[in-house]
Amino acid sequence: MSVRRPFTALIAIGATLGVGATAIAQGGNDPLSIDFQDGCLDHSRVVVKIAAPDDTTIDALSVRANGREVLRLNGLSGEARMRVRLSTARGQVTVSGLLTGGESFSRSRDYRPCAPEPTPDPQPAPQRNDRPEPTLTGGGEG
């Protein structure tokens, strides 16, 4: 029993510290939202959603696809949704910029093509017998 109590207390203290650290991390006012499309790609387009903080605008925004700048915006406030085209279903999309207060940000995501769906094993085609079956002769009585 003496081993169980300190172990339980250690779990409770660890959980409390974890919750406190999460609250502190979330307490930092970072309402900038950049959402990339999840999952693999079955085509070469990616949807990116960006929401500027309520009290701040994004002074400069740059979107890159595989290192090539495909979009540049200035003075973005509110929300924006964009479709970025990659040259193939594999690549990286990067969003970077500068907020009004001078804070810079950068987020990126790597994409890969979706695996092809497995094809079911084909059933063997029934064989057509083009030749008539041989006639059996013989056999006697007796």
N, C-alpha and C. Protein backbone atom coordinates (compact mmCIF):
# COMPACT_ATOMS: atom_id res chain seq x y z
N MET A 1 0.80 -1.19 0.00
CA MET A 1 0.00 0.00 0.00
C MET A 1 0.84 1.25 0.00
N SER A 2 2.00 1.22 0.63
CA SER A 2 2.81 2.43 0.71
C SER A 2 3.37 2.80 -0.66
N VAL A 3 3.51 1.84 -1.56
CA VAL A 3 4.00 2.14 -2.91
C VAL A 3 2.90 2.77 -3.75
N ARG A 4 1.68 2.37 -3.56
CA ARG A 4 0.56 2.84 -4.37
C ARG A 4 0.28 4.32 -4.14
N ARG A 5 0.34 4.80 -2.91
CA ARG A 5 0.03 6.20 -2.60
C ARG A 5 1.01 7.18 -3.24
N PRO A 6 2.32 6.99 -3.10
CA PRO A 6 3.23 7.94 -3.74
C PRO A 6 3.08 7.92 -5.26
N PHE A 7 2.81 6.74 -5.83
CA PHE A 7 2.65 6.65 -7.28
C PHE A 7 1.41 7.42 -7.73
N THR A 8 0.30 7.27 -6.97
CA THR A 8 -0.94 7.99 -7.28
C THR A 8 -0.72 9.49 -7.13
N ALA A 9 -0.01 9.90 -6.11
CA ALA A 9 0.26 11.32 -5.91
C ALA A 9 1.11 11.87 -7.05
N LEU A 10 2.06 11.07 -7.52
CA LEU A 10 2.90 11.50 -8.63
C LEU A 10 2.08 11.72 -9.90
N ILE A 11 1.13 10.83 -10.17
CA ILE A 11 0.26 10.97 -11.34
C ILE A 11 -0.59 12.23 -11.20
N ALA A 12 -1.16 12.47 -10.00
CA ALA A 12 -2.00 13.65 -9.79
C ALA A 12 -1.20 14.94 -9.95
N ILE A 13 0.01 14.99 -9.42
CA ILE A 13 0.85 16.18 -9.55
C ILE A 13 1.23 16.39 -11.01
N GLY A 14 1.59 15.31 -11.71
CA GLY A 14 1.95 15.42 -13.12
C GLY A 14 0.80 15.92 -13.96
N ALA A 15 -0.42 15.42 -13.69
CA ALA A 15 -1.58 15.87 -14.43
C ALA A 15 -1.87 17.34 -14.16
N THR A 16 -1.72 17.77 -12.90
CA THR A 16 -1.95 19.18 -12.56
C THR A 16 -0.94 20.07 -13.25
N LEU A 17 0.32 19.68 -13.24
CA LEU A 17 1.34 20.49 -13.93
C LEU A 17 1.09 20.52 -15.42
N GLY A 18 0.64 19.40 -15.99
CA GLY A 18 0.36 19.36 -17.42
C GLY A 18 -0.78 20.29 -17.79
N VAL A 19 -1.84 20.30 -16.99
CA VAL A 19 -2.97 21.20 -17.25
C VAL A 19 -2.53 22.64 -17.11
N GLY A 20 -1.71 22.93 -16.08
CA GLY A 20 -1.22 24.30 -15.90
C GLY A 20 -0.36 24.76 -17.06
N ALA A 21 0.50 23.87 -17.56
CA ALA A 21 1.35 24.23 -18.70
C ALA A 21 0.52 24.47 -19.94
N THR A 22 -0.53 23.66 -20.13
CA THR A 22 -1.41 23.87 -21.28
C THR A 22 -2.13 25.20 -21.16
N ALA A 23 -2.60 25.54 -19.98
CA ALA A 23 -3.30 26.81 -19.78
C ALA A 23 -2.36 27.98 -20.04
N ILE A 24 -1.11 27.88 -19.60
CA ILE A 24 -0.15 28.95 -19.84
C ILE A 24 0.13 29.09 -21.34
N ALA A 25 0.29 27.94 -22.01
CA ALA A 25 0.57 27.98 -23.45
C ALA A 25 -0.61 28.57 -24.21
N GLN A 26 -1.85 28.24 -23.79
CA GLN A 26 -3.01 28.78 -24.47
C GLN A 26 -3.28 30.21 -24.05
N GLY A 27 -2.73 30.61 -22.91
CA GLY A 27 -2.94 31.97 -22.45
C GLY A 27 -2.21 32.98 -23.31
N GLY A 28 -1.13 32.55 -23.99
CA GLY A 28 -0.46 33.43 -24.92
C GLY A 28 -1.41 33.78 -26.04
N ASN A 29 -1.65 35.04 -26.28
CA ASN A 29 -2.67 35.47 -27.22
C ASN A 29 -2.21 35.21 -28.65
N ASP A 30 -2.51 34.02 -29.17
CA ASP A 30 -2.13 33.64 -30.53
C ASP A 30 -3.36 33.19 -31.30
N PRO A 31 -4.28 34.13 -31.60
CA PRO A 31 -5.50 33.73 -32.28
C PRO A 31 -5.34 33.57 -33.80
N LEU A 32 -4.13 33.73 -34.32
CA LEU A 32 -3.92 33.52 -35.74
C LEU A 32 -4.22 32.07 -36.07
N SER A 33 -5.05 31.84 -37.05
CA SER A 33 -5.44 30.48 -37.40
C SER A 33 -5.06 30.20 -38.86
N ILE A 34 -4.26 29.15 -39.05
CA ILE A 34 -3.90 28.70 -40.39
C ILE A 34 -4.23 27.22 -40.45
N ASP A 35 -5.22 26.87 -41.24
CA ASP A 35 -5.65 25.48 -41.36
C ASP A 35 -5.32 24.96 -42.75
N PHE A 36 -4.53 23.91 -42.76
CA PHE A 36 -4.20 23.24 -44.02
C PHE A 36 -5.14 22.06 -44.22
N GLN A 37 -5.36 21.72 -45.45
CA GLN A 37 -6.15 20.53 -45.77
C GLN A 37 -5.47 19.30 -45.19
N ASP A 38 -6.25 18.43 -44.57
CA ASP A 38 -5.71 17.23 -43.96
C ASP A 38 -5.59 16.10 -44.98
N GLY A 39 -4.76 15.15 -44.62
CA GLY A 39 -4.69 13.91 -45.38
C GLY A 39 -3.81 13.96 -46.60
N CYS A 40 -3.91 12.91 -47.38
CA CYS A 40 -3.13 12.79 -48.61
C CYS A 40 -3.90 13.45 -49.75
N LEU A 41 -3.27 13.57 -50.88
CA LEU A 41 -3.89 14.23 -52.03
C LEU A 41 -4.17 13.24 -53.15
N ASP A 42 -5.37 13.30 -53.70
CA ASP A 42 -5.66 12.52 -54.89
C ASP A 42 -5.70 13.41 -56.13
N HIS A 43 -5.35 14.65 -55.94
CA HIS A 43 -5.21 15.62 -57.03
C HIS A 43 -4.15 16.62 -56.61
N SER A 44 -3.97 17.68 -57.34
CA SER A 44 -2.85 18.58 -57.05
C SER A 44 -3.29 19.90 -56.41
N ARG A 45 -4.49 19.96 -55.83
CA ARG A 45 -4.96 21.19 -55.20
C ARG A 45 -5.09 21.02 -53.70
N VAL A 46 -4.70 22.08 -52.96
CA VAL A 46 -4.75 22.09 -51.51
C VAL A 46 -5.54 23.32 -51.07
N VAL A 47 -6.44 23.14 -50.09
CA VAL A 47 -7.21 24.25 -49.56
C VAL A 47 -6.55 24.72 -48.27
N VAL A 48 -6.32 26.04 -48.16
CA VAL A 48 -5.71 26.65 -46.98
C VAL A 48 -6.67 27.73 -46.49
N LYS A 49 -6.96 27.72 -45.18
CA LYS A 49 -7.81 28.74 -44.57
C LYS A 49 -6.98 29.53 -43.57
N ILE A 50 -7.09 30.85 -43.66
CA ILE A 50 -6.33 31.73 -42.77
C ILE A 50 -7.32 32.69 -42.12
N ALA A 51 -7.22 32.86 -40.80
CA ALA A 51 -8.06 33.81 -40.08
C ALA A 51 -7.16 34.72 -39.27
N ALA A 52 -7.20 36.00 -39.59
CA ALA A 52 -6.40 36.99 -38.86
C ALA A 52 -7.02 37.22 -37.49
N PRO A 53 -6.21 37.59 -36.51
CA PRO A 53 -6.76 37.90 -35.19
C PRO A 53 -7.76 39.04 -35.27
N ASP A 54 -8.69 39.08 -34.31
CA ASP A 54 -9.74 40.11 -34.31
C ASP A 54 -9.17 41.52 -34.25
N ASP A 55 -8.16 41.73 -33.43
CA ASP A 55 -7.64 43.07 -33.21
C ASP A 55 -6.40 43.38 -34.05
N THR A 56 -6.02 42.49 -34.97
CA THR A 56 -4.80 42.66 -35.74
C THR A 56 -5.06 42.32 -37.20
N THR A 57 -4.29 42.92 -38.07
CA THR A 57 -4.35 42.54 -39.48
C THR A 57 -3.02 41.88 -39.85
N ILE A 58 -3.05 41.15 -40.93
CA ILE A 58 -1.83 40.56 -41.45
C ILE A 58 -1.28 41.54 -42.47
N ASP A 59 -0.15 42.18 -42.12
CA ASP A 59 0.42 43.18 -43.01
C ASP A 59 0.92 42.57 -44.31
N ALA A 60 1.61 41.44 -44.22
CA ALA A 60 2.16 40.80 -45.42
C ALA A 60 1.94 39.30 -45.29
N LEU A 61 1.43 38.68 -46.35
CA LEU A 61 1.18 37.25 -46.37
C LEU A 61 1.74 36.67 -47.67
N SER A 62 2.47 35.60 -47.53
CA SER A 62 3.05 34.93 -48.69
C SER A 62 2.69 33.45 -48.63
N VAL A 63 2.24 32.90 -49.74
CA VAL A 63 1.93 31.48 -49.84
C VAL A 63 2.83 30.90 -50.91
N ARG A 64 3.53 29.82 -50.55
CA ARG A 64 4.45 29.16 -51.48
C ARG A 64 4.05 27.71 -51.69
N ALA A 65 4.19 27.27 -52.92
CA ALA A 65 3.95 25.87 -53.28
C ALA A 65 5.26 25.32 -53.82
N ASN A 66 5.83 24.36 -53.10
CA ASN A 66 7.13 23.78 -53.49
C ASN A 66 8.21 24.85 -53.66
N GLY A 67 8.19 25.85 -52.78
CA GLY A 67 9.22 26.88 -52.81
C GLY A 67 8.94 28.05 -53.75
N ARG A 68 7.93 27.95 -54.59
CA ARG A 68 7.60 29.02 -55.54
C ARG A 68 6.43 29.83 -55.00
N GLU A 69 6.60 31.15 -54.92
CA GLU A 69 5.54 31.99 -54.39
C GLU A 69 4.36 32.01 -55.37
N VAL A 70 3.18 31.69 -54.85
CA VAL A 70 1.99 31.65 -55.69
C VAL A 70 0.98 32.71 -55.30
N LEU A 71 1.16 33.33 -54.13
CA LEU A 71 0.23 34.35 -53.68
C LEU A 71 0.91 35.28 -52.71
N ARG A 72 0.63 36.60 -52.86
CA ARG A 72 1.12 37.60 -51.92
C ARG A 72 -0.03 38.56 -51.66
N LEU A 73 -0.35 38.74 -50.37
CA LEU A 73 -1.42 39.65 -49.97
C LEU A 73 -0.89 40.63 -48.94
N ASN A 74 -1.47 41.83 -48.92
CA ASN A 74 -1.14 42.85 -47.93
C ASN A 74 -2.42 43.32 -47.27
N GLY A 75 -2.36 43.57 -45.97
CA GLY A 75 -3.49 44.15 -45.25
C GLY A 75 -4.69 43.22 -45.12
N LEU A 76 -4.45 41.96 -44.85
CA LEU A 76 -5.55 41.00 -44.71
C LEU A 76 -6.14 41.08 -43.32
N SER A 77 -7.44 41.29 -43.23
CA SER A 77 -8.15 41.25 -41.95
C SER A 77 -9.32 40.30 -42.13
N GLY A 78 -9.65 39.59 -41.08
CA GLY A 78 -10.73 38.63 -41.18
C GLY A 78 -10.23 37.29 -41.68
N GLU A 79 -11.08 36.60 -42.46
CA GLU A 79 -10.76 35.25 -42.92
C GLU A 79 -10.52 35.23 -44.42
N ALA A 80 -9.70 34.28 -44.83
CA ALA A 80 -9.45 34.06 -46.26
C ALA A 80 -9.36 32.56 -46.49
N ARG A 81 -9.88 32.13 -47.62
CA ARG A 81 -9.80 30.72 -48.02
C ARG A 81 -9.23 30.70 -49.42
N MET A 82 -8.22 29.89 -49.61
CA MET A 82 -7.58 29.85 -50.93
C MET A 82 -7.30 28.42 -51.35
N ARG A 83 -7.24 28.21 -52.63
CA ARG A 83 -6.91 26.91 -53.19
C ARG A 83 -5.55 27.06 -53.88
N VAL A 84 -4.60 26.27 -53.42
CA VAL A 84 -3.24 26.33 -53.94
C VAL A 84 -3.01 25.10 -54.82
N ARG A 85 -2.46 25.32 -55.98
CA ARG A 85 -2.21 24.22 -56.90
C ARG A 85 -0.74 23.82 -56.84
N LEU A 86 -0.50 22.54 -56.62
CA LEU A 86 0.84 21.98 -56.67
C LEU A 86 1.06 21.40 -58.07
N SER A 87 2.31 21.25 -58.46
CA SER A 87 2.58 20.70 -59.79
C SER A 87 2.22 19.21 -59.86
N THR A 88 2.27 18.52 -58.73
CA THR A 88 1.86 17.12 -58.63
C THR A 88 1.12 16.94 -57.32
N ALA A 89 0.72 15.73 -57.02
CA ALA A 89 0.03 15.47 -55.75
C ALA A 89 1.02 15.33 -54.60
N ARG A 90 2.27 15.63 -54.82
CA ARG A 90 3.29 15.58 -53.78
C ARG A 90 3.94 16.96 -53.70
N GLY A 91 4.15 17.45 -52.47
CA GLY A 91 4.83 18.73 -52.35
C GLY A 91 4.60 19.37 -51.00
N GLN A 92 5.04 20.61 -50.89
CA GLN A 92 4.96 21.35 -49.64
C GLN A 92 4.28 22.69 -49.88
N VAL A 93 3.39 23.07 -48.97
CA VAL A 93 2.74 24.38 -49.00
C VAL A 93 3.18 25.12 -47.74
N THR A 94 3.65 26.36 -47.92
CA THR A 94 4.14 27.17 -46.82
C THR A 94 3.40 28.51 -46.81
N VAL A 95 2.92 28.89 -45.63
CA VAL A 95 2.28 30.19 -45.43
C VAL A 95 3.13 30.95 -44.44
N SER A 96 3.55 32.15 -44.80
CA SER A 96 4.35 32.96 -43.90
C SER A 96 3.92 34.41 -44.03
N GLY A 97 4.27 35.20 -43.03
CA GLY A 97 3.88 36.59 -43.10
C GLY A 97 4.27 37.37 -41.87
N LEU A 98 3.69 38.56 -41.79
CA LEU A 98 4.01 39.50 -40.72
C LEU A 98 2.71 40.13 -40.23
N LEU A 99 2.48 40.06 -38.91
CA LEU A 99 1.31 40.69 -38.32
C LEU A 99 1.57 42.18 -38.11
N THR A 100 0.51 42.94 -37.86
CA THR A 100 0.62 44.38 -37.68
C THR A 100 1.58 44.74 -36.56
N GLY A 101 1.60 43.99 -35.48
CA GLY A 101 2.48 44.27 -34.34
C GLY A 101 3.93 43.94 -34.60
N GLY A 102 4.28 43.42 -35.77
CA GLY A 102 5.66 43.09 -36.10
C GLY A 102 6.01 41.63 -35.87
N GLU A 103 5.07 40.83 -35.39
CA GLU A 103 5.32 39.42 -35.14
C GLU A 103 5.26 38.64 -36.46
N SER A 104 6.29 37.86 -36.72
CA SER A 104 6.30 37.06 -37.94
C SER A 104 5.77 35.66 -37.64
N PHE A 105 5.28 34.99 -38.67
CA PHE A 105 4.77 33.63 -38.52
C PHE A 105 5.10 32.85 -39.78
N SER A 106 5.15 31.56 -39.63
CA SER A 106 5.39 30.67 -40.76
C SER A 106 4.89 29.28 -40.39
N ARG A 107 4.09 28.71 -41.28
CA ARG A 107 3.60 27.34 -41.09
C ARG A 107 3.69 26.63 -42.44
N SER A 108 4.00 25.35 -42.40
CA SER A 108 4.06 24.59 -43.66
C SER A 108 3.56 23.18 -43.44
N ARG A 109 3.23 22.55 -44.53
CA ARG A 109 2.75 21.17 -44.49
C ARG A 109 3.22 20.44 -45.75
N ASP A 110 3.69 19.22 -45.55
CA ASP A 110 4.09 18.37 -46.66
C ASP A 110 2.92 17.47 -47.05
N TYR A 111 2.75 17.29 -48.34
CA TYR A 111 1.68 16.44 -48.85
C TYR A 111 2.28 15.31 -49.68
N ARG A 112 1.55 14.20 -49.70
CA ARG A 112 1.95 13.05 -50.52
C ARG A 112 0.70 12.54 -51.22
N PRO A 113 0.88 11.81 -52.31
CA PRO A 113 -0.31 11.28 -52.99
C PRO A 113 -0.95 10.16 -52.18
N CYS A 114 -2.24 10.01 -52.34
CA CYS A 114 -2.95 8.92 -51.68
C CYS A 114 -2.56 7.60 -52.36
N ALA A 115 -2.55 6.56 -51.58
CA ALA A 115 -2.26 5.24 -52.14
C ALA A 115 -3.45 4.82 -53.01
N PRO A 116 -3.18 4.20 -54.13
CA PRO A 116 -4.30 3.75 -54.97
C PRO A 116 -5.11 2.69 -54.24
N GLU A 117 -6.40 2.69 -54.50
CA GLU A 117 -7.24 1.69 -53.87
C GLU A 117 -6.88 0.32 -54.43
N PRO A 118 -6.81 -0.66 -53.57
CA PRO A 118 -6.43 -1.99 -54.07
C PRO A 118 -7.51 -2.53 -54.99
N THR A 119 -7.07 -3.15 -56.06
CA THR A 119 -8.02 -3.75 -56.99
C THR A 119 -8.32 -5.16 -56.49
N PRO A 120 -9.57 -5.55 -56.56
CA PRO A 120 -9.90 -6.89 -56.10
C PRO A 120 -9.27 -7.92 -57.04
N ASP A 121 -8.96 -9.08 -56.46
CA ASP A 121 -8.40 -10.14 -57.28
C ASP A 121 -9.44 -10.56 -58.31
N PRO A 122 -9.06 -10.51 -59.57
CA PRO A 122 -10.05 -10.86 -60.60
C PRO A 122 -10.37 -12.35 -60.52
N GLN A 123 -11.62 -12.66 -60.72
CA GLN A 123 -12.03 -14.06 -60.77
C GLN A 123 -11.59 -14.64 -62.10
N PRO A 124 -11.04 -15.83 -62.09
CA PRO A 124 -10.64 -16.40 -63.37
C PRO A 124 -11.86 -16.58 -64.27
N ALA A 125 -11.69 -16.21 -65.51
CA ALA A 125 -12.78 -16.34 -66.47
C ALA A 125 -13.05 -17.82 -66.71
N PRO A 126 -14.29 -18.17 -66.81
CA PRO A 126 -14.56 -19.57 -67.09
C PRO A 126 -13.99 -19.96 -68.46
N GLN A 127 -13.42 -21.13 -68.50
CA GLN A 127 -12.81 -21.60 -69.75
C GLN A 127 -13.88 -22.21 -70.64
N ARG A 128 -13.86 -21.80 -71.85
CA ARG A 128 -14.80 -22.35 -72.83
C ARG A 128 -14.12 -23.50 -73.53
N ASN A 129 -14.80 -24.58 -73.61
CA ASN A 129 -14.24 -25.75 -74.26
C ASN A 129 -14.67 -25.74 -75.72
N ASP A 130 -13.73 -25.42 -76.61
CA ASP A 130 -14.05 -25.36 -78.04
C ASP A 130 -14.11 -26.74 -78.69
N ARG A 131 -13.49 -27.72 -78.11
CA ARG A 131 -13.48 -29.06 -78.69
C ARG A 131 -14.52 -29.92 -78.00
N PRO A 132 -15.18 -30.76 -78.77
CA PRO A 132 -16.12 -31.67 -78.12
C PRO A 132 -15.36 -32.73 -77.34
N GLU A 133 -15.98 -33.21 -76.32
CA GLU A 133 -15.33 -34.23 -75.52
C GLU A 133 -15.20 -35.51 -76.33
N PRO A 134 -14.09 -36.23 -76.18
CA PRO A 134 -13.94 -37.46 -76.95
C PRO A 134 -14.97 -38.51 -76.52
N THR A 135 -15.36 -39.26 -77.51
CA THR A 135 -16.32 -40.31 -77.25
C THR A 135 -15.58 -41.53 -76.78
N LEU A 136 -16.05 -42.14 -75.76
CA LEU A 136 -15.42 -43.34 -75.25
C LEU A 136 -16.04 -44.55 -75.93
N THR A 137 -15.20 -45.40 -76.41
CA THR A 137 -15.69 -46.62 -77.05
C THR A 137 -15.09 -47.82 -76.34
N GLY A 138 -15.65 -48.87 -76.59
CA GLY A 138 -15.09 -50.10 -76.06
C GLY A 138 -15.77 -50.47 -74.77
N GLY A 139 -15.14 -51.35 -74.14
CA GLY A 139 -15.71 -51.85 -72.92
C GLY A 139 -16.62 -53.02 -73.27
N GLY A 140 -16.44 -54.00 -72.76
CA GLY A 140 -17.25 -55.12 -73.17
C GLY A 140 -17.98 -55.73 -72.02
N GLU A 141 -18.79 -56.60 -72.48
CA GLU A 141 -19.53 -57.31 -71.46
C GLU A 141 -18.87 -58.66 -71.29
N GLY A 142 -18.87 -59.08 -70.25
CA GLY A 142 -18.45 -60.39 -70.16
C GLY A 142 -17.55 -60.92 -69.25
